Protein backbone atom coordinates (compact mmCIF):
# COMPACT_ATOMS: atom_id res chain seq x y z
CA MET A 1 47.39 -19.47 131.11
CA ARG A 2 44.40 -21.70 129.78
CA VAL A 3 44.62 -22.65 126.21
CA CYS A 4 41.50 -22.94 123.94
CA PHE A 5 41.76 -24.05 120.48
CA SER A 6 39.29 -22.89 117.89
CA PRO A 7 37.81 -25.28 115.26
CA ASP A 8 39.42 -23.53 112.29
CA VAL A 9 42.96 -24.39 113.95
CA LEU A 10 41.78 -28.25 114.94
CA ASN A 11 40.72 -28.69 111.22
CA ASP A 12 43.82 -27.01 109.67
CA VAL A 13 46.50 -29.64 108.36
CA SER A 14 49.39 -26.93 108.62
CA SER A 15 48.44 -26.29 112.32
CA MET A 16 48.86 -29.97 113.76
CA HIS A 17 52.50 -29.76 114.20
CA TRP A 18 51.96 -26.45 116.32
CA ILE A 19 48.91 -28.04 118.07
CA ASP A 20 50.88 -31.18 119.20
CA LEU A 21 53.89 -28.86 120.42
CA ILE A 22 51.70 -26.90 122.37
CA MET A 23 49.63 -29.80 123.71
CA GLY A 24 52.91 -30.97 125.03
CA LEU A 25 53.22 -27.90 127.23
CA LEU A 26 49.64 -28.35 128.72
CA ARG A 27 50.34 -32.21 129.51
CA ILE A 28 53.34 -31.27 131.92
CA GLY A 29 51.38 -28.69 133.44
CA GLU A 30 52.81 -25.57 132.15
CA HIS A 31 49.48 -24.34 131.18
CA GLN A 32 45.74 -25.65 131.23
CA TRP A 33 43.61 -26.67 128.36
CA TYR A 34 40.21 -24.69 128.14
CA ILE A 35 37.87 -26.80 126.46
CA GLN A 36 34.27 -25.08 125.61
CA PHE A 37 32.74 -27.56 123.67
CA ASP A 38 34.00 -31.10 123.74
CA GLY A 39 32.71 -31.82 120.20
CA ASN A 40 35.26 -29.56 118.81
CA ILE A 41 37.86 -31.65 119.95
CA ARG A 42 36.82 -35.30 119.35
CA GLU A 43 35.29 -34.52 115.96
CA SER A 44 38.19 -32.33 114.63
CA LEU A 45 40.87 -33.68 111.86
CA TRP A 46 43.42 -32.99 114.53
CA TYR A 47 41.90 -35.79 117.12
CA LYS A 48 40.88 -38.22 114.32
CA ARG A 49 44.22 -37.98 112.30
CA GLY A 50 46.46 -38.27 115.54
CA ARG A 51 44.62 -41.47 116.80
CA LYS A 52 44.43 -39.82 120.27
CA ASN A 53 41.61 -41.48 121.05
CA GLU A 54 43.95 -44.91 121.17
CA ASP A 55 46.03 -43.13 123.93
CA ARG A 56 44.71 -44.14 127.34
CA ASP A 57 46.87 -41.25 128.82
CA PHE A 58 45.40 -38.57 126.67
CA CYS A 59 42.27 -39.79 126.75
CA GLU A 60 42.39 -39.39 130.78
CA PHE A 61 44.08 -36.00 130.44
CA LEU A 62 41.39 -34.89 127.84
CA ARG A 63 38.64 -35.94 130.51
CA LYS A 64 40.32 -33.79 133.33
CA SER A 65 40.54 -31.04 130.97
CA GLU A 66 37.04 -31.03 130.26
CA GLN A 67 36.26 -31.20 134.06
CA ASN A 68 38.21 -28.34 134.98
CA SER A 69 36.98 -26.42 132.27
CA PHE A 70 33.68 -25.97 134.00
CA ASN A 71 35.66 -24.57 136.96
CA SER A 72 35.85 -20.58 137.26
CA SER A 73 39.57 -19.21 136.84
CA PRO A 74 41.17 -15.93 137.27
CA GLN A 75 43.48 -17.17 134.43
CA SER A 76 43.56 -15.33 131.09
CA VAL A 77 42.41 -17.45 128.45
CA ILE A 78 44.56 -17.52 124.85
CA ASN A 79 42.63 -18.68 121.96
CA VAL A 80 44.80 -20.27 119.32
CA SER A 81 42.91 -19.43 115.89
CA LEU A 82 43.85 -18.92 112.58
CA VAL A 83 42.15 -15.40 112.60
CA CYS A 84 43.47 -13.30 115.50
CA ASP A 85 43.64 -9.74 116.90
CA GLY A 86 46.93 -10.33 118.63
CA SER A 87 46.23 -9.99 122.16
CA VAL A 88 43.69 -12.75 123.33
CA SER A 89 44.09 -14.67 120.21
CA LYS A 90 47.07 -15.77 118.53
CA LYS A 91 47.96 -17.83 115.27
CA PRO A 92 49.53 -21.51 116.36
CA MET A 93 53.14 -21.02 115.80
CA GLU A 94 53.13 -17.50 117.75
CA ALA A 95 50.86 -18.98 120.38
CA PHE A 96 53.34 -21.68 121.12
CA TYR A 97 56.61 -19.23 121.47
CA PHE A 98 54.41 -17.19 123.40
CA LEU A 99 53.34 -19.99 125.85
CA ARG A 100 56.92 -21.42 125.87
CA GLU A 101 58.57 -18.56 126.95
CA PRO A 102 58.41 -17.66 131.01
CA LEU A 103 56.60 -15.05 132.66
CA TYR A 104 58.98 -12.32 133.01
CA VAL A 105 58.15 -9.86 135.99
CA ILE A 106 59.86 -6.43 135.40
CA LEU A 107 61.27 -4.61 138.43
CA GLU A 108 62.89 -1.81 139.28
CA ASN A 109 65.43 -3.73 141.63
CA ALA A 110 65.49 -7.57 141.05
CA GLU A 111 66.87 -7.71 144.23
CA SER A 112 65.04 -5.87 146.66
CA ASP A 113 61.56 -5.99 144.86
CA GLY A 114 62.31 -9.55 144.07
CA ALA A 115 62.53 -10.26 147.70
CA PHE A 116 59.23 -9.03 148.02
CA VAL A 117 57.53 -10.84 145.22
CA GLU A 118 59.17 -13.98 146.29
CA MET A 119 57.75 -13.50 149.84
CA VAL A 120 54.19 -12.82 148.43
CA ILE A 121 54.41 -15.92 146.47
CA GLN A 122 55.75 -18.00 149.32
CA LYS A 123 53.41 -17.10 151.83
CA THR A 124 50.29 -17.08 149.77
CA GLN A 125 51.20 -20.56 148.02
CA LYS A 126 48.17 -22.25 149.47
CA LYS A 127 45.95 -19.80 147.38
CA HIS A 128 47.94 -20.46 144.08
CA SER A 129 50.66 -23.21 144.41
CA ALA A 130 51.29 -22.80 140.51
CA LEU A 131 53.08 -19.56 141.26
CA LEU A 132 55.65 -21.04 143.67
CA VAL A 133 56.17 -24.08 141.14
CA ALA A 134 56.86 -21.60 138.41
CA LEU A 135 59.24 -19.79 140.50
CA GLN A 136 61.04 -22.88 141.23
CA ASP A 137 61.08 -24.26 137.65
CA ASN A 138 62.35 -20.90 136.59
CA ARG A 139 58.87 -20.10 134.44
CA LEU A 140 58.61 -17.10 136.58
CA ARG A 141 61.54 -14.86 136.10
CA PHE A 142 62.75 -11.40 137.36
CA SER A 143 63.87 -8.83 135.02
CA GLN A 144 66.21 -6.24 136.16
CA ALA A 145 65.35 -2.55 135.15
CA GLY A 146 67.91 -0.70 136.77
CA GLY A 147 65.85 2.10 138.18
CA LYS A 148 62.69 3.51 137.08
CA ASN A 149 63.80 5.34 134.18
CA GLU A 150 65.02 1.85 132.49
CA VAL A 151 61.67 0.44 132.94
CA LEU A 152 60.09 1.21 129.65
CA LYS A 153 63.55 0.56 127.82
CA ILE A 154 63.28 -3.24 129.33
CA VAL A 155 59.65 -3.69 128.26
CA THR A 156 60.32 -2.51 124.74
CA ARG A 157 63.64 -4.63 124.74
CA HIS A 158 61.37 -7.82 125.79
CA LEU A 159 58.60 -6.99 123.41
CA SER A 160 61.30 -6.57 120.27
CA GLN A 161 62.26 -10.34 121.22
CA GLY A 162 58.95 -11.91 120.15
CA PRO A 163 55.53 -12.49 121.85
CA ARG A 164 56.06 -12.34 125.50
CA ARG A 165 54.25 -12.47 128.72
CA LEU A 166 55.33 -9.52 130.99
CA PHE A 167 54.12 -7.92 134.17
CA VAL A 168 55.54 -4.77 135.55
CA LEU A 169 55.56 -4.09 139.27
CA ILE A 170 57.04 -0.41 140.17
CA ASP A 171 56.93 1.90 143.18
CA GLY A 172 54.20 4.72 143.22
CA ASP A 173 56.84 7.05 145.10
CA GLY A 174 54.14 9.08 146.20
CA TYR A 175 54.73 11.11 149.50
CA TYR A 176 51.19 11.21 150.93
CA PRO A 177 48.26 9.05 150.30
CA ARG A 178 46.24 8.46 147.20
CA ARG A 179 49.20 10.38 145.06
CA ILE A 180 51.73 8.38 142.94
CA SER A 181 54.67 10.27 141.21
CA SER A 182 54.24 11.69 137.91
CA GLU A 183 56.97 9.20 136.41
CA SER A 184 55.13 6.21 138.03
CA GLN A 185 51.87 7.47 136.21
CA LYS A 186 53.70 8.08 132.98
CA ILE A 187 54.96 4.44 133.04
CA SER A 188 51.66 3.27 133.95
CA ASP A 189 50.15 4.84 131.13
CA GLN A 190 52.81 3.60 128.44
CA CYS A 191 52.36 0.12 129.52
CA LEU A 192 48.87 0.18 129.06
CA GLU A 193 49.01 1.63 125.83
CA LEU A 194 51.55 -1.32 124.73
CA GLY A 195 49.38 -3.97 126.54
CA VAL A 196 51.50 -5.08 129.23
CA PRO A 197 49.75 -5.30 132.92
CA CYS A 198 51.45 -2.75 135.33
CA LEU A 199 50.89 -2.49 139.12
CA VAL A 200 51.80 0.57 140.65
CA THR A 201 52.23 0.26 144.44
CA ARG A 202 49.75 2.07 146.56
CA LYS A 203 52.44 2.47 149.34
CA ARG A 204 55.75 4.69 148.63
CA GLU A 205 58.02 1.97 147.81
CA ILE A 206 58.36 -1.79 148.31
CA GLU A 207 60.03 -1.50 151.62
CA ASN A 208 56.88 -0.13 152.93
CA TYR A 209 55.31 -3.58 152.53
CA ILE A 210 57.75 -5.09 154.99
CA PRO A 211 55.79 -7.01 157.83
CA GLU A 212 56.30 -5.47 161.07
CA ARG A 213 57.48 -8.90 162.40
CA ALA A 214 60.09 -9.24 159.97
CA LEU A 215 61.38 -5.54 160.55
CA LYS A 216 61.81 -6.29 164.14
CA SER A 217 63.91 -9.39 163.69
CA PHE A 218 65.97 -7.37 160.87
CA CYS A 219 66.35 -4.59 163.58
CA LEU A 220 67.66 -6.72 166.27
CA ARG A 221 70.19 -8.22 164.09
CA ASN A 222 71.36 -5.00 163.25
CA ASN A 223 72.86 -2.65 165.81
CA ASN A 224 71.43 0.89 166.68
CA LEU A 225 68.19 0.07 165.03
CA GLU A 226 65.96 -0.72 167.79
CA ASP A 227 65.33 2.50 169.08
CA LEU A 228 64.36 3.83 165.54
CA PHE A 229 62.04 0.53 165.23
CA ALA A 230 60.33 1.52 168.58
CA VAL A 231 59.26 5.15 167.05
CA PHE A 232 58.54 3.52 163.72
CA LEU A 233 55.86 1.36 165.70
CA GLU A 234 54.39 4.40 166.88
CA LEU A 235 53.68 5.84 163.73
CA LYS A 236 49.94 6.04 162.34
CA PRO A 237 49.64 3.25 159.55
CA GLU A 238 49.58 6.00 156.79
CA GLN A 239 52.51 7.75 158.33
CA LYS A 240 54.39 4.08 157.86
CA ASP A 241 52.96 3.89 154.43
CA TYR A 242 54.86 6.84 153.46
CA TYR A 243 57.86 6.84 155.48
CA ASP A 244 61.02 6.66 153.65
CA MET A 245 62.38 3.26 155.04
CA LYS A 246 65.58 3.00 153.36
CA ASN A 247 66.71 6.98 153.87
CA GLY A 248 64.58 8.41 156.44
CA PHE A 249 63.44 11.93 156.53
CA LYS A 250 66.00 14.20 154.83
CA SER A 251 68.56 15.55 157.07
CA GLY A 252 67.72 18.86 158.26
CA GLU A 253 64.57 19.08 156.93
CA VAL A 254 61.80 20.13 159.12
CA LEU A 255 59.33 17.46 158.00
CA ARG A 256 56.16 18.58 159.76
CA ASP A 257 56.19 21.70 157.60
CA HIS A 258 57.21 20.34 154.27
CA ASP A 259 54.60 20.54 151.37
CA GLU A 260 55.46 17.57 149.59
CA HIS A 261 53.94 15.37 152.63
CA GLU A 262 50.83 17.62 153.06
CA ASP A 263 51.39 17.64 156.60
CA LEU A 264 51.24 13.83 156.93
CA PHE A 265 53.79 13.85 159.72
CA ASN A 266 52.69 16.92 161.58
CA ASP A 267 52.05 15.72 164.69
CA LEU A 268 55.28 13.90 165.46
CA SER A 269 57.73 15.25 168.33
CA ASP A 270 61.03 16.50 167.47
CA GLU A 271 62.50 13.82 169.33
CA ALA A 272 60.38 11.41 167.04
CA VAL A 273 61.80 13.56 163.95
CA ASP A 274 65.29 13.27 165.25
CA VAL A 275 65.50 9.49 165.39
CA LEU A 276 63.49 8.92 162.20
CA VAL A 277 65.85 11.06 160.18
CA ARG A 278 68.29 8.31 159.74
CA GLY A 279 66.05 5.37 158.28
CA PHE A 280 66.81 1.58 158.08
CA GLY A 281 69.43 1.68 155.59
CA ARG A 282 69.54 0.39 151.99
CA LYS A 283 69.89 -3.29 153.09
CA VAL A 284 66.30 -3.27 154.95
CA TRP A 285 64.85 -4.77 151.99
CA GLN A 286 66.53 -8.20 153.58
CA ALA A 287 63.56 -8.10 155.92
CA PHE A 288 61.70 -9.82 153.25
CA GLN A 289 64.00 -12.85 154.06
CA GLU A 290 63.11 -13.09 157.49
CA SER A 291 62.14 -16.90 158.49
CA SER A 292 59.55 -15.33 160.97
CA ILE A 293 57.16 -14.32 158.33
CA LYS A 294 53.59 -15.62 158.66
CA SER A 295 51.42 -15.65 155.90
CA LYS A 296 49.09 -13.25 157.87
CA ASP A 297 51.83 -10.72 158.35
CA VAL A 298 51.82 -10.16 154.56
CA PHE A 299 48.58 -9.42 154.15
CA ASN A 300 48.33 -7.05 157.22
CA SER A 301 46.94 -3.68 156.00
CA SER A 302 47.60 -4.71 152.31
CA ARG A 303 45.15 -7.51 151.66
CA THR A 304 43.42 -5.95 148.70
CA GLU A 305 46.70 -4.96 146.89
CA ILE A 306 48.76 -8.20 147.98
CA ASP A 307 45.54 -10.19 146.22
CA THR A 308 45.59 -7.98 143.08
CA ILE A 309 49.54 -8.90 142.75
CA VAL A 310 49.05 -12.58 143.23
CA ASN A 311 45.92 -12.55 141.03
CA GLN A 312 47.70 -10.73 138.17
CA LEU A 313 50.84 -12.97 138.19
CA PHE A 314 48.48 -16.22 138.13
CA ARG A 315 46.51 -15.04 135.48
CA LEU A 316 49.75 -14.76 133.16
CA ILE A 317 51.62 -17.64 134.46
């Protein structure tokens, strides 16, 4: 995140200790110092009292911070002030503890969903390398919800432990385009009320974002999946997005006539349905870890959504 100090804090004796602690986080690169007007810094009691002008390393750090402040950035700005609204502005002590905490990404399943987020970060690191560094330094952590019905409980538990940066990522669980489940919508609405960013996947589940190159490699390593992969490749893009990758079609169900899919699969042959019934299995998420994945694979058919996820994480890191 980018951190801006208000003049009232910089000239408040009781805030000096907390400014120094926050400055320690900034100088090791965990966050960025955002300077709107350098005169507020150089003329402040904190700057003069701390003899920061005699510290060559600090002077260079201040100069670079001033330069970087002119560059546009999608990162959120937190304003450290004695008068705050609790969201974008925080008092010095609260701001320090808020910034010191890692970014918690709350997921329905930290194993499978976490593999997806790791893939996205690793394959888009040229855009935001800070995310990969944060992941490696454990400043970006996955928080296991243990299912969708536990997500809000985990959010509430985190918030009860003090100021924290949170990001929620959940499956849309829709059966056809432009539709998410009522439960997913409820979680999204309540996160909004709590001031916690929440992204609901456009596609049915996280597994629907597995790149085809990775899915092919996964199927080659697992017996009896190559024929399923061949049929899957013949599906239309929207059919791929809403096919149940883990469990397939419900056994014995004539999906082409089932209302919940709004005839999304009504053009499939009986032979194709028979193959698609079984799904790729509950371990298909492991395809996210395939070494064959290229950066371009991650963005195929989902560039806008992947960009949104990356930018949201970068805003909060």
